[in-house]
C-alpha cells in the first residue's frame, strides 16, 4: 500500500533579488527535463493497456536509436586515426 502513495521529491530553487519569475522558470525547466510534467499529463486520463504497451515500445525504440546514433557519431568524430577517410 505504501507504494501507491504520492512520492515527494524535494527541489530547491534560490530566488535571487526577488526574481520569482526567473526562479519559477528554472523550476519548470528542471521538472520538465526530469519528465515530471509528462508523467502527470499521462496520468491525467486513463491509458488503455495497448496504449501503454505501444508507448513503452516506442520509448525503447527511441532509446535504442539514440544510443546507436551516439555510437556512430562518436566513432566518426574520434581523432586518434591516422587516416580520417580510409579507402578514399
N, C-alpha and C. Protein backbone atom coordinates (compact mmCIF):
# COMPACT_ATOMS: atom_id res chain seq x y z
N UNK A 1 0.82 -1.20 0.00
CA UNK A 1 0.00 0.00 0.00
C UNK A 1 0.86 1.26 0.00
N UNK A 2 2.02 1.16 0.58
CA UNK A 2 2.89 2.34 0.66
C UNK A 2 3.40 2.78 -0.71
N UNK A 3 3.45 1.84 -1.66
CA UNK A 3 3.96 2.19 -2.98
C UNK A 3 2.97 3.04 -3.76
N UNK A 4 1.69 3.00 -3.41
CA UNK A 4 0.67 3.73 -4.15
C UNK A 4 0.57 5.19 -3.72
N UNK A 5 1.25 5.56 -2.64
CA UNK A 5 1.21 6.95 -2.20
C UNK A 5 2.02 7.83 -3.14
N UNK A 6 1.67 9.08 -3.18
CA UNK A 6 2.42 10.04 -3.99
C UNK A 6 3.78 10.26 -3.35
N UNK A 7 4.81 10.14 -4.15
CA UNK A 7 6.16 10.33 -3.65
C UNK A 7 6.51 11.81 -3.71
N UNK A 8 7.16 12.29 -2.68
CA UNK A 8 7.59 13.68 -2.64
C UNK A 8 9.09 13.72 -2.84
N UNK A 9 9.51 14.40 -3.87
CA UNK A 9 10.92 14.58 -4.14
C UNK A 9 11.20 16.07 -4.07
N UNK A 10 12.06 16.48 -3.16
CA UNK A 10 12.29 17.90 -2.92
C UNK A 10 13.13 18.53 -4.02
N UNK A 11 12.75 19.71 -4.44
CA UNK A 11 13.52 20.52 -5.38
C UNK A 11 13.65 21.91 -4.76
N UNK A 12 14.84 22.44 -4.77
CA UNK A 12 15.08 23.76 -4.19
C UNK A 12 15.63 24.68 -5.27
N UNK A 13 15.00 25.82 -5.41
CA UNK A 13 15.47 26.83 -6.35
C UNK A 13 15.62 28.12 -5.58
N UNK A 14 16.77 28.75 -5.71
CA UNK A 14 17.02 30.00 -4.99
C UNK A 14 16.43 31.18 -5.76
N UNK A 15 15.78 32.08 -5.03
CA UNK A 15 15.24 33.30 -5.61
C UNK A 15 16.25 34.42 -5.36
N UNK A 16 16.82 34.95 -6.43
CA UNK A 16 17.83 36.00 -6.28
C UNK A 16 17.21 37.35 -6.59
N UNK A 17 17.44 38.29 -5.72
CA UNK A 17 16.98 39.68 -5.87
C UNK A 17 15.48 39.77 -6.07
N UNK A 18 14.72 38.88 -5.45
CA UNK A 18 13.27 38.92 -5.56
C UNK A 18 12.73 38.54 -6.92
N UNK A 19 13.54 37.88 -7.75
CA UNK A 19 13.13 37.50 -9.09
C UNK A 19 12.40 36.15 -9.04
N UNK A 20 11.13 36.18 -8.68
CA UNK A 20 10.34 34.96 -8.53
C UNK A 20 10.05 34.34 -9.90
N UNK A 21 9.80 35.17 -10.90
CA UNK A 21 9.50 34.65 -12.24
C UNK A 21 10.68 33.84 -12.79
N UNK A 22 11.87 34.34 -12.57
CA UNK A 22 13.05 33.60 -13.03
C UNK A 22 13.22 32.28 -12.30
N UNK A 23 12.93 32.28 -10.99
CA UNK A 23 13.04 31.05 -10.21
C UNK A 23 11.99 30.04 -10.65
N UNK A 24 10.80 30.50 -10.98
CA UNK A 24 9.75 29.60 -11.45
C UNK A 24 10.13 29.01 -12.80
N UNK A 25 10.71 29.81 -13.67
CA UNK A 25 11.11 29.28 -14.98
C UNK A 25 12.22 28.25 -14.82
N UNK A 26 13.15 28.47 -13.88
CA UNK A 26 14.21 27.48 -13.63
C UNK A 26 13.60 26.19 -13.09
N UNK A 27 12.65 26.32 -12.16
CA UNK A 27 11.99 25.14 -11.61
C UNK A 27 11.22 24.38 -12.68
N UNK A 28 10.51 25.10 -13.55
CA UNK A 28 9.78 24.46 -14.64
C UNK A 28 10.73 23.73 -15.58
N UNK A 29 11.88 24.32 -15.86
CA UNK A 29 12.86 23.67 -16.73
C UNK A 29 13.39 22.39 -16.09
N UNK A 30 13.65 22.42 -14.78
CA UNK A 30 14.14 21.24 -14.08
C UNK A 30 13.09 20.13 -14.11
N UNK A 31 11.85 20.49 -13.79
CA UNK A 31 10.78 19.49 -13.74
C UNK A 31 10.48 18.90 -15.11
N UNK A 32 10.52 19.73 -16.15
CA UNK A 32 10.24 19.21 -17.49
C UNK A 32 11.38 18.32 -17.98
N UNK A 33 12.62 18.65 -17.63
CA UNK A 33 13.74 17.80 -18.07
C UNK A 33 13.73 16.45 -17.36
N UNK A 34 13.16 16.40 -16.16
CA UNK A 34 13.07 15.14 -15.42
C UNK A 34 11.82 14.35 -15.79
N UNK A 35 10.96 14.93 -16.60
CA UNK A 35 9.78 14.20 -17.06
C UNK A 35 8.60 14.23 -16.11
N UNK A 36 8.60 15.14 -15.15
CA UNK A 36 7.51 15.21 -14.18
C UNK A 36 6.22 15.67 -14.85
N UNK A 37 6.31 16.67 -15.70
CA UNK A 37 5.12 17.18 -16.37
C UNK A 37 4.53 16.13 -17.31
N UNK A 38 5.39 15.45 -18.04
CA UNK A 38 4.91 14.41 -18.95
C UNK A 38 4.24 13.29 -18.18
N UNK A 39 4.78 12.96 -17.01
CA UNK A 39 4.18 11.92 -16.17
C UNK A 39 2.77 12.31 -15.74
N UNK A 40 2.60 13.54 -15.28
CA UNK A 40 1.28 13.98 -14.83
C UNK A 40 0.31 14.14 -15.99
N UNK A 41 0.82 14.54 -17.15
CA UNK A 41 -0.06 14.62 -18.33
C UNK A 41 -0.55 13.23 -18.73
N UNK A 42 0.33 12.23 -18.64
CA UNK A 42 -0.06 10.87 -18.96
C UNK A 42 -1.08 10.33 -17.96
N UNK A 43 -0.94 10.68 -16.68
CA UNK A 43 -1.81 10.15 -15.64
C UNK A 43 -3.12 10.92 -15.54
N UNK A 44 -3.28 11.98 -16.30
CA UNK A 44 -4.50 12.78 -16.20
C UNK A 44 -5.71 11.97 -16.67
N UNK A 45 -5.55 11.17 -17.70
CA UNK A 45 -6.61 10.33 -18.22
C UNK A 45 -6.14 8.88 -18.19
N UNK A 46 -7.09 7.98 -18.19
CA UNK A 46 -6.77 6.55 -18.19
C UNK A 46 -6.11 6.17 -19.51
N UNK A 47 -5.03 5.43 -19.39
CA UNK A 47 -4.32 4.95 -20.56
C UNK A 47 -4.60 3.45 -20.70
N UNK A 48 -5.18 3.08 -21.82
CA UNK A 48 -5.52 1.68 -22.03
C UNK A 48 -4.24 0.84 -22.13
N UNK A 49 -4.35 -0.44 -21.78
CA UNK A 49 -3.14 -1.28 -21.78
C UNK A 49 -2.43 -1.33 -23.13
N UNK A 50 -3.16 -1.35 -24.23
CA UNK A 50 -2.49 -1.39 -25.53
C UNK A 50 -1.76 -0.09 -25.80
N UNK A 51 -2.31 1.03 -25.30
CA UNK A 51 -1.62 2.32 -25.46
C UNK A 51 -0.35 2.36 -24.62
N UNK A 52 -0.40 1.78 -23.43
CA UNK A 52 0.79 1.72 -22.58
C UNK A 52 1.88 0.89 -23.24
N UNK A 53 1.49 -0.29 -23.76
CA UNK A 53 2.48 -1.14 -24.43
C UNK A 53 3.09 -0.43 -25.63
N UNK A 54 2.25 0.25 -26.39
CA UNK A 54 2.74 0.96 -27.57
C UNK A 54 3.70 2.07 -27.18
N UNK A 55 3.34 2.86 -26.14
CA UNK A 55 4.19 3.96 -25.69
C UNK A 55 5.52 3.44 -25.19
N UNK A 56 5.50 2.37 -24.40
CA UNK A 56 6.74 1.81 -23.87
C UNK A 56 7.61 1.27 -24.99
N UNK A 57 7.01 0.59 -25.97
CA UNK A 57 7.79 0.07 -27.10
C UNK A 57 8.41 1.21 -27.91
N UNK A 58 7.66 2.29 -28.11
CA UNK A 58 8.20 3.45 -28.83
C UNK A 58 9.36 4.06 -28.06
N UNK A 59 9.23 4.17 -26.72
CA UNK A 59 10.31 4.72 -25.92
C UNK A 59 11.55 3.85 -25.99
N UNK A 60 11.36 2.52 -25.99
CA UNK A 60 12.50 1.60 -26.09
C UNK A 60 13.18 1.76 -27.45
N UNK A 61 12.38 1.84 -28.51
CA UNK A 61 12.95 2.01 -29.85
C UNK A 61 13.71 3.32 -29.98
N UNK A 62 13.16 4.39 -29.40
CA UNK A 62 13.86 5.68 -29.42
C UNK A 62 15.18 5.61 -28.68
N UNK A 63 15.18 4.93 -27.52
CA UNK A 63 16.41 4.82 -26.74
C UNK A 63 17.47 4.03 -27.50
N UNK A 64 17.05 2.94 -28.16
CA UNK A 64 18.00 2.15 -28.95
C UNK A 64 18.55 2.97 -30.11
N UNK A 65 17.66 3.69 -30.79
CA UNK A 65 18.09 4.53 -31.92
C UNK A 65 19.06 5.62 -31.46
N UNK A 66 18.73 6.29 -30.36
CA UNK A 66 19.60 7.36 -29.87
C UNK A 66 20.96 6.82 -29.45
N UNK A 67 20.98 5.65 -28.81
CA UNK A 67 22.25 5.07 -28.42
C UNK A 67 23.08 4.69 -29.65
N UNK A 68 22.41 4.14 -30.66
CA UNK A 68 23.09 3.77 -31.89
C UNK A 68 23.68 4.99 -32.59
N UNK A 69 22.90 6.05 -32.68
CA UNK A 69 23.39 7.27 -33.33
C UNK A 69 24.53 7.90 -32.55
N UNK A 70 24.45 7.86 -31.22
CA UNK A 70 25.54 8.38 -30.40
C UNK A 70 26.82 7.61 -30.65
N UNK A 71 26.71 6.29 -30.73
CA UNK A 71 27.89 5.48 -31.02
C UNK A 71 28.45 5.78 -32.39
N UNK A 72 27.59 5.93 -33.39
CA UNK A 72 28.06 6.22 -34.75
C UNK A 72 28.74 7.59 -34.81
N UNK A 73 28.14 8.58 -34.16
CA UNK A 73 28.72 9.92 -34.18
C UNK A 73 30.06 9.94 -33.45
N UNK A 74 30.13 9.27 -32.29
CA UNK A 74 31.40 9.25 -31.56
C UNK A 74 32.47 8.50 -32.35
N UNK A 75 32.08 7.45 -33.09
CA UNK A 75 33.04 6.73 -33.92
C UNK A 75 33.54 7.61 -35.06
N UNK A 76 32.63 8.38 -35.67
CA UNK A 76 33.01 9.24 -36.78
C UNK A 76 33.87 10.41 -36.30
N UNK A 77 33.58 10.92 -35.11
CA UNK A 77 34.26 12.12 -34.62
C UNK A 77 35.57 11.82 -33.88
N UNK A 78 35.95 10.56 -33.74
CA UNK A 78 37.17 10.26 -32.99
C UNK A 78 38.39 10.82 -33.73
N UNK A 79 39.39 11.18 -32.97
CA UNK A 79 40.52 11.90 -33.56
C UNK A 79 41.82 11.11 -33.54
N UNK A 80 41.81 9.89 -33.03
CA UNK A 80 43.07 9.15 -32.92
C UNK A 80 43.30 8.24 -34.12
N UNK A 81 42.86 8.68 -35.30
CA UNK A 81 43.04 7.88 -36.51
C UNK A 81 44.16 8.46 -37.36
N UNK A 82 44.88 7.58 -38.08
CA UNK A 82 45.90 8.07 -38.99
C UNK A 82 45.25 8.69 -40.22
N UNK A 83 44.30 7.95 -40.80
CA UNK A 83 43.63 8.40 -41.99
C UNK A 83 42.15 8.58 -41.65
N UNK A 84 41.67 9.79 -41.76
CA UNK A 84 40.30 10.07 -41.36
C UNK A 84 39.30 9.39 -42.29
N UNK A 85 39.63 9.26 -43.55
CA UNK A 85 38.72 8.63 -44.53
C UNK A 85 39.43 7.48 -45.22
N UNK A 86 39.49 6.32 -44.59
CA UNK A 86 40.20 5.21 -45.22
C UNK A 86 39.48 4.73 -46.48
N UNK A 87 40.25 4.44 -47.53
CA UNK A 87 39.70 3.95 -48.77
C UNK A 87 39.30 5.04 -49.74
N UNK A 88 39.49 6.29 -49.39
CA UNK A 88 39.10 7.39 -50.31
C UNK A 88 40.32 7.98 -50.98
